[in-house]
Every structure is written in C-alpha cells, then in structure tokens.
Amino acid sequence: MLLYMDYNVDNYTMPELASILKLSTPSVSNVTSQANSYIRSLVVSHDLQRAGFIDQVKNKLIQYINEGG
C-alpha cells in the first residue's frame, strides 16, 4: 500500500515520469494521449490532486522531448 505520494515532478527523472504514464518510449503524441486519458479518469473520480500531478508530468515530459531529450 502506498502511504505517501510525492507530487513534485522535479523529484523524478524523465524515465520515472514516463513510467508513471506506463510509456517505454515517450513521444509528444503518446504522452499527451496517455496523460489526458488518466486526467479524464481522475477528474471523473474527483481526484484533482493526482489529475494535476499527471498534467504536470505531461508538461514536463513534452518540454523535455521538445528540447531534444
């Protein structure tokens, strides 16, 4: 059972962030698609803190990919 979740995306490596989205080879397209799917599900279940975290994960990964990472 997970007792504590670190919601600071800066405390994760890029591979860890990709793993959170269950992506082995992240691209802008699949990061966006997977993250948006999770966010929709989390919003429906009223888990706004995790939805916000996933949105930050998405933004950080996309920024990293766009910068050539």
PDB file of N, CA and C in Angstrom:
ATOM      1  N   MET A   1       0.846  -1.184   0.000  1.00  0.00           N
ATOM      2  CA  MET A   1       0.000   0.000   0.000  1.00  0.00           C
ATOM      3  C   MET A   1       0.892   1.248   0.000  1.00  0.00           C
ATOM      4  N   LEU A   2       0.561   2.178  -0.869  1.00  0.00           N
ATOM      5  CA  LEU A   2       1.303   3.426  -0.968  1.00  0.00           C
ATOM      6  C   LEU A   2       0.815   4.381   0.120  1.00  0.00           C
ATOM      7  N   LEU A   3       1.737   4.776   0.983  1.00  0.00           N
ATOM      8  CA  LEU A   3       1.362   5.664   2.080  1.00  0.00           C
ATOM      9  C   LEU A   3       1.610   7.128   1.753  1.00  0.00           C
ATOM     10  N   TYR A   4       2.591   7.388   0.892  1.00  0.00           N
ATOM     11  CA  TYR A   4       2.942   8.765   0.575  1.00  0.00           C
ATOM     12  C   TYR A   4       3.220   8.880  -0.915  1.00  0.00           C
ATOM     13  N   MET A   5       2.668   9.883  -1.525  1.00  0.00           N
ATOM     14  CA  MET A   5       2.897  10.143  -2.944  1.00  0.00           C
ATOM     15  C   MET A   5       3.564  11.501  -3.055  1.00  0.00           C
ATOM     16  N   ASP A   6       4.707  11.527  -3.711  1.00  0.00           N
ATOM     17  CA  ASP A   6       5.427  12.784  -3.938  1.00  0.00           C
ATOM     18  C   ASP A   6       4.856  13.430  -5.200  1.00  0.00           C
ATOM     19  N   TYR A   7       4.199  14.544  -5.046  1.00  0.00           N
ATOM     20  CA  TYR A   7       3.557  15.230  -6.169  1.00  0.00           C
ATOM     21  C   TYR A   7       4.443  16.302  -6.811  1.00  0.00           C
ATOM     22  N   ASN A   8       5.720  16.331  -6.475  1.00  0.00           N
ATOM     23  CA  ASN A   8       6.644  17.292  -7.060  1.00  0.00           C
ATOM     24  C   ASN A   8       7.355  16.622  -8.236  1.00  0.00           C
ATOM     25  N   VAL A   9       6.989  17.002  -9.457  1.00  0.00           N
ATOM     26  CA  VAL A   9       7.573  16.356 -10.639  1.00  0.00           C
ATOM     27  C   VAL A   9       9.077  16.573 -10.738  1.00  0.00           C
ATOM     28  N   ASP A  10       9.586  17.595 -10.086  1.00  0.00           N
ATOM     29  CA  ASP A  10      11.025  17.857 -10.121  1.00  0.00           C
ATOM     30  C   ASP A  10      11.823  16.807  -9.342  1.00  0.00           C
ATOM     31  N   ASN A  11      11.149  15.997  -8.555  1.00  0.00           N
ATOM     32  CA  ASN A  11      11.814  14.955  -7.781  1.00  0.00           C
ATOM     33  C   ASN A  11      11.897  13.629  -8.528  1.00  0.00           C
ATOM     34  N   TYR A  12      11.511  13.628  -9.802  1.00  0.00           N
ATOM     35  CA  TYR A  12      11.514  12.419 -10.618  1.00  0.00           C
ATOM     36  C   TYR A  12      12.424  12.593 -11.834  1.00  0.00           C
ATOM     37  N   THR A  13      13.032  11.500 -12.265  1.00  0.00           N
ATOM     38  CA  THR A  13      13.798  11.511 -13.513  1.00  0.00           C
ATOM     39  C   THR A  13      12.818  11.387 -14.679  1.00  0.00           C
ATOM     40  N   MET A  14      13.296  11.675 -15.887  1.00  0.00           N
ATOM     41  CA  MET A  14      12.431  11.540 -17.064  1.00  0.00           C
ATOM     42  C   MET A  14      11.963  10.092 -17.242  1.00  0.00           C
ATOM     43  N   PRO A  15      12.842   9.092 -17.081  1.00  0.00           N
ATOM     44  CA  PRO A  15      12.347   7.709 -17.189  1.00  0.00           C
ATOM     45  C   PRO A  15      11.280   7.381 -16.135  1.00  0.00           C
ATOM     46  N   GLU A  16      11.425   7.922 -14.943  1.00  0.00           N
ATOM     47  CA  GLU A  16      10.409   7.686 -13.905  1.00  0.00           C
ATOM     48  C   GLU A  16       9.075   8.330 -14.291  1.00  0.00           C
ATOM     49  N   LEU A  17       9.136   9.536 -14.855  1.00  0.00           N
ATOM     50  CA  LEU A  17       7.904  10.207 -15.280  1.00  0.00           C
ATOM     51  C   LEU A  17       7.237   9.430 -16.411  1.00  0.00           C
ATOM     52  N   ALA A  18       8.035   8.931 -17.349  1.00  0.00           N
ATOM     53  CA  ALA A  18       7.479   8.125 -18.441  1.00  0.00           C
ATOM     54  C   ALA A  18       6.853   6.852 -17.884  1.00  0.00           C
ATOM     55  N   SER A  19       7.487   6.277 -16.889  1.00  0.00           N
ATOM     56  CA  SER A  19       6.973   5.057 -16.262  1.00  0.00           C
ATOM     57  C   SER A  19       5.640   5.306 -15.567  1.00  0.00           C
ATOM     58  N   ILE A  20       5.469   6.460 -14.981  1.00  0.00           N
ATOM     59  CA  ILE A  20       4.199   6.802 -14.335  1.00  0.00           C
ATOM     60  C   ILE A  20       3.065   6.728 -15.353  1.00  0.00           C
ATOM     61  N   LEU A  21       3.373   7.125 -16.600  1.00  0.00           N
ATOM     62  CA  LEU A  21       2.366   7.072 -17.665  1.00  0.00           C
ATOM     63  C   LEU A  21       2.372   5.722 -18.385  1.00  0.00           C
ATOM     64  N   LYS A  22       3.212   4.795 -17.905  1.00  0.00           N
ATOM     65  CA  LYS A  22       3.339   3.465 -18.496  1.00  0.00           C
ATOM     66  C   LYS A  22       3.788   3.529 -19.957  1.00  0.00           C
ATOM     67  N   LEU A  23       4.778   4.397 -20.214  1.00  0.00           N
ATOM     68  CA  LEU A  23       5.316   4.556 -21.562  1.00  0.00           C
ATOM     69  C   LEU A  23       6.785   4.161 -21.577  1.00  0.00           C
ATOM     70  N   SER A  24       7.153   3.289 -22.494  1.00  0.00           N
ATOM     71  CA  SER A  24       8.563   2.902 -22.598  1.00  0.00           C
ATOM     72  C   SER A  24       9.327   3.842 -23.523  1.00  0.00           C
ATOM     73  N   THR A  25       8.671   4.345 -24.554  1.00  0.00           N
ATOM     74  CA  THR A  25       9.297   5.272 -25.487  1.00  0.00           C
ATOM     75  C   THR A  25       8.368   6.467 -25.665  1.00  0.00           C
ATOM     76  N   PRO A  26       8.528   7.474 -24.812  1.00  0.00           N
ATOM     77  CA  PRO A  26       7.593   8.608 -24.877  1.00  0.00           C
ATOM     78  C   PRO A  26       7.791   9.482 -26.109  1.00  0.00           C
ATOM     79  N   SER A  27       6.688   9.866 -26.699  1.00  0.00           N
ATOM     80  CA  SER A  27       6.655  10.869 -27.763  1.00  0.00           C
ATOM     81  C   SER A  27       5.598  11.887 -27.354  1.00  0.00           C
ATOM     82  N   VAL A  28       5.614  13.039 -27.990  1.00  0.00           N
ATOM     83  CA  VAL A  28       4.619  14.066 -27.649  1.00  0.00           C
ATOM     84  C   VAL A  28       3.214  13.491 -27.796  1.00  0.00           C
ATOM     85  N   SER A  29       3.002  12.758 -28.862  1.00  0.00           N
ATOM     86  CA  SER A  29       1.680  12.197 -29.131  1.00  0.00           C
ATOM     87  C   SER A  29       1.231  11.200 -28.060  1.00  0.00           C
ATOM     88  N   ASN A  30       2.091  10.216 -27.738  1.00  0.00           N
ATOM     89  CA  ASN A  30       1.627   9.216 -26.780  1.00  0.00           C
ATOM     90  C   ASN A  30       1.633   9.732 -25.342  1.00  0.00           C
ATOM     91  N   VAL A  31       2.510  10.682 -25.023  1.00  0.00           N
ATOM     92  CA  VAL A  31       2.468  11.314 -23.694  1.00  0.00           C
ATOM     93  C   VAL A  31       1.145  12.058 -23.529  1.00  0.00           C
ATOM     94  N   THR A  32       0.792  12.837 -24.532  1.00  0.00           N
ATOM     95  CA  THR A  32      -0.445  13.620 -24.483  1.00  0.00           C
ATOM     96  C   THR A  32      -1.663  12.709 -24.372  1.00  0.00           C
ATOM     97  N   SER A  33      -1.710  11.696 -25.212  1.00  0.00           N
ATOM     98  CA  SER A  33      -2.846  10.787 -25.223  1.00  0.00           C
ATOM     99  C   SER A  33      -2.993  10.041 -23.898  1.00  0.00           C
ATOM    100  N   GLN A  34      -1.913   9.467 -23.423  1.00  0.00           N
ATOM    101  CA  GLN A  34      -1.968   8.682 -22.191  1.00  0.00           C
ATOM    102  C   GLN A  34      -2.294   9.572 -20.982  1.00  0.00           C
ATOM    103  N   ALA A  35      -1.625  10.718 -20.900  1.00  0.00           N
ATOM    104  CA  ALA A  35      -1.861  11.626 -19.766  1.00  0.00           C
ATOM    105  C   ALA A  35      -3.298  12.128 -19.770  1.00  0.00           C
ATOM    106  N   ASN A  36      -3.800  12.532 -20.918  1.00  0.00           N
ATOM    107  CA  ASN A  36      -5.169  13.042 -20.981  1.00  0.00           C
ATOM    108  C   ASN A  36      -6.187  11.976 -20.595  1.00  0.00           C
ATOM    109  N   SER A  37      -5.912  10.736 -20.963  1.00  0.00           N
ATOM    110  CA  SER A  37      -6.790   9.636 -20.569  1.00  0.00           C
ATOM    111  C   SER A  37      -6.811   9.479 -19.051  1.00  0.00           C
ATOM    112  N   TYR A  38      -5.638   9.499 -18.435  1.00  0.00           N
ATOM    113  CA  TYR A  38      -5.558   9.406 -16.973  1.00  0.00           C
ATOM    114  C   TYR A  38      -6.240  10.600 -16.308  1.00  0.00           C
ATOM    115  N   ILE A  39      -5.986  11.786 -16.832  1.00  0.00           N
ATOM    116  CA  ILE A  39      -6.563  13.001 -16.242  1.00  0.00           C
ATOM    117  C   ILE A  39      -8.089  12.941 -16.275  1.00  0.00           C
ATOM    118  N   ARG A  40      -8.653  12.544 -17.418  1.00  0.00           N
ATOM    119  CA  ARG A  40     -10.123  12.435 -17.508  1.00  0.00           C
ATOM    120  C   ARG A  40     -10.666  11.481 -16.443  1.00  0.00           C
ATOM    121  N   SER A  41     -10.017  10.349 -16.316  1.00  0.00           N
ATOM    122  CA  SER A  41     -10.456   9.349 -15.338  1.00  0.00           C
ATOM    123  C   SER A  41     -10.354   9.883 -13.906  1.00  0.00           C
ATOM    124  N   LEU A  42      -9.258  10.557 -13.608  1.00  0.00           N
ATOM    125  CA  LEU A  42      -9.054  11.089 -12.264  1.00  0.00           C
ATOM    126  C   LEU A  42     -10.033  12.214 -11.947  1.00  0.00           C
ATOM    127  N   VAL A  43     -10.339  13.047 -12.928  1.00  0.00           N
ATOM    128  CA  VAL A  43     -11.303  14.134 -12.712  1.00  0.00           C
ATOM    129  C   VAL A  43     -12.692  13.553 -12.448  1.00  0.00           C
ATOM    130  N   VAL A  44     -13.063  12.536 -13.206  1.00  0.00           N
ATOM    131  CA  VAL A  44     -14.366  11.894 -13.003  1.00  0.00           C
ATOM    132  C   VAL A  44     -14.464  11.329 -11.592  1.00  0.00           C
ATOM    133  N   SER A  45     -13.345  10.789 -11.081  1.00  0.00           N
ATOM    134  CA  SER A  45     -13.370  10.233  -9.725  1.00  0.00           C
ATOM    135  C   SER A  45     -13.025  11.286  -8.662  1.00  0.00           C
ATOM    136  N   HIS A  46     -12.976  12.550  -9.071  1.00  0.00           N
ATOM    137  CA  HIS A  46     -12.760  13.688  -8.175  1.00  0.00           C
ATOM    138  C   HIS A  46     -11.394  13.657  -7.485  1.00  0.00           C
ATOM    139  N   ASP A  47     -10.413  13.066  -8.122  1.00  0.00           N
ATOM    140  CA  ASP A  47      -9.049  13.026  -7.580  1.00  0.00           C
ATOM    141  C   ASP A  47      -8.235  14.127  -8.267  1.00  0.00           C
ATOM    142  N   LEU A  48      -8.543  15.355  -7.909  1.00  0.00           N
ATOM    143  CA  LEU A  48      -7.969  16.507  -8.608  1.00  0.00           C
ATOM    144  C   LEU A  48      -6.484  16.687  -8.322  1.00  0.00           C
ATOM    145  N   GLN A  49      -6.030  16.274  -7.156  1.00  0.00           N
ATOM    146  CA  GLN A  49      -4.600  16.394  -6.849  1.00  0.00           C
ATOM    147  C   GLN A  49      -3.786  15.514  -7.789  1.00  0.00           C
ATOM    148  N   ARG A  50      -4.193  14.271  -7.960  1.00  0.00           N
ATOM    149  CA  ARG A  50      -3.459  13.392  -8.869  1.00  0.00           C
ATOM    150  C   ARG A  50      -3.637  13.812 -10.321  1.00  0.00           C
ATOM    151  N   ALA A  51      -4.810  14.325 -10.667  1.00  0.00           N
ATOM    152  CA  ALA A  51      -5.029  14.813 -12.031  1.00  0.00           C
ATOM    153  C   ALA A  51      -4.065  15.964 -12.325  1.00  0.00           C
ATOM    154  N   GLY A  52      -3.893  16.860 -11.372  1.00  0.00           N
ATOM    155  CA  GLY A  52      -2.949  17.968 -11.538  1.00  0.00           C
ATOM    156  C   GLY A  52      -1.519  17.479 -11.650  1.00  0.00           C
ATOM    157  N   PHE A  53      -1.181  16.465 -10.878  1.00  0.00           N
ATOM    158  CA  PHE A  53       0.157  15.874 -10.951  1.00  0.00           C
ATOM    159  C   PHE A  53       0.403  15.271 -12.328  1.00  0.00           C
ATOM    160  N   ILE A  54      -0.558  14.519 -12.842  1.00  0.00           N
ATOM    161  CA  ILE A  54      -0.404  13.910 -14.166  1.00  0.00           C
ATOM    162  C   ILE A  54      -0.281  14.994 -15.238  1.00  0.00           C
ATOM    163  N   ASP A  55      -1.000  16.088 -15.086  1.00  0.00           N
ATOM    164  CA  ASP A  55      -0.871  17.195 -16.033  1.00  0.00           C
ATOM    165  C   ASP A  55       0.546  17.775 -15.987  1.00  0.00           C
ATOM    166  N   GLN A  56       1.117  17.897 -14.799  1.00  0.00           N
ATOM    167  CA  GLN A  56       2.499  18.375 -14.667  1.00  0.00           C
ATOM    168  C   GLN A  56       3.482  17.380 -15.261  1.00  0.00           C
ATOM    169  N   VAL A  57       3.242  16.082 -15.064  1.00  0.00           N
ATOM    170  CA  VAL A  57       4.076  15.037 -15.666  1.00  0.00           C
ATOM    171  C   VAL A  57       4.050  15.195 -17.181  1.00  0.00           C
ATOM    172  N   LYS A  58       2.854  15.347 -17.734  1.00  0.00           N
ATOM    173  CA  LYS A  58       2.688  15.523 -19.184  1.00  0.00           C
ATOM    174  C   LYS A  58       3.486  16.725 -19.677  1.00  0.00           C
ATOM    175  N   ASN A  59       3.320  17.854 -19.014  1.00  0.00           N
ATOM    176  CA  ASN A  59       4.001  19.080 -19.452  1.00  0.00           C
ATOM    177  C   ASN A  59       5.512  18.946 -19.372  1.00  0.00           C
ATOM    178  N   LYS A  60       6.013  18.328 -18.312  1.00  0.00           N
ATOM    179  CA  LYS A  60       7.463  18.185 -18.151  1.00  0.00           C
ATOM    180  C   LYS A  60       8.038  17.245 -19.205  1.00  0.00           C
ATOM    181  N   LEU A  61       7.358  16.142 -19.470  1.00  0.00           N
ATOM    182  CA  LEU A  61       7.833  15.211 -20.488  1.00  0.00           C
ATOM    183  C   LEU A  61       7.803  15.842 -21.879  1.00  0.00           C
ATOM    184  N   ILE A  62       6.735  16.552 -22.190  1.00  0.00           N
ATOM    185  CA  ILE A  62       6.638  17.191 -23.510  1.00  0.00           C
ATOM    186  C   ILE A  62       7.737  18.241 -23.665  1.00  0.00           C
ATOM    187  N   GLN A  63       7.983  19.018 -22.639  1.00  0.00           N
ATOM    188  CA  GLN A  63       9.055  20.014 -22.695  1.00  0.00           C
ATOM    189  C   GLN A  63      10.399  19.329 -22.936  1.00  0.00           C
ATOM    190  N   TYR A  64      10.647  18.253 -22.232  1.00  0.00           N
ATOM    191  CA  TYR A  64      11.900  17.501 -22.376  1.00  0.00           C
ATOM    192  C   TYR A  64      12.042  16.949 -23.796  1.00  0.00           C
ATOM    193  N   ILE A  65      10.962  16.367 -24.326  1.00  0.00           N
ATOM    194  CA  ILE A  65      11.004  15.819 -25.685  1.00  0.00           C
ATOM    195  C   ILE A  65      11.241  16.932 -26.688  1.00  0.00           C
ATOM    196  N   ASN A  66      10.546  18.053 -26.552  1.00  0.00           N
ATOM    197  CA  ASN A  66      10.682  19.173 -27.500  1.00  0.00           C
ATOM    198  C   ASN A  66      12.064  19.809 -27.448  1.00  0.00           C
ATOM    199  N   GLU A  67      12.752  19.677 -26.320  1.00  0.00           N
ATOM    200  CA  GLU A  67      14.111  20.224 -26.196  1.00  0.00           C
ATOM    201  C   GLU A  67      15.160  19.241 -26.681  1.00  0.00           C
ATOM    202  N   GLY A  68      14.700  18.125 -27.242  1.00  0.00           N
ATOM    203  CA  GLY A  68      15.636  17.174 -27.817  1.00  0.00           C
ATOM    204  C   GLY A  68      16.062  16.053 -26.900  1.00  0.00           C
ATOM    205  N   GLY A  69      15.362  15.884 -25.775  1.00  0.00           N
ATOM    206  CA  GLY A  69      15.722  14.887 -24.788  1.00  0.00           C
ATOM    207  C   GLY A  69      15.469  13.488 -25.144  1.00  0.00           C
TER     208      GLY A  69
END
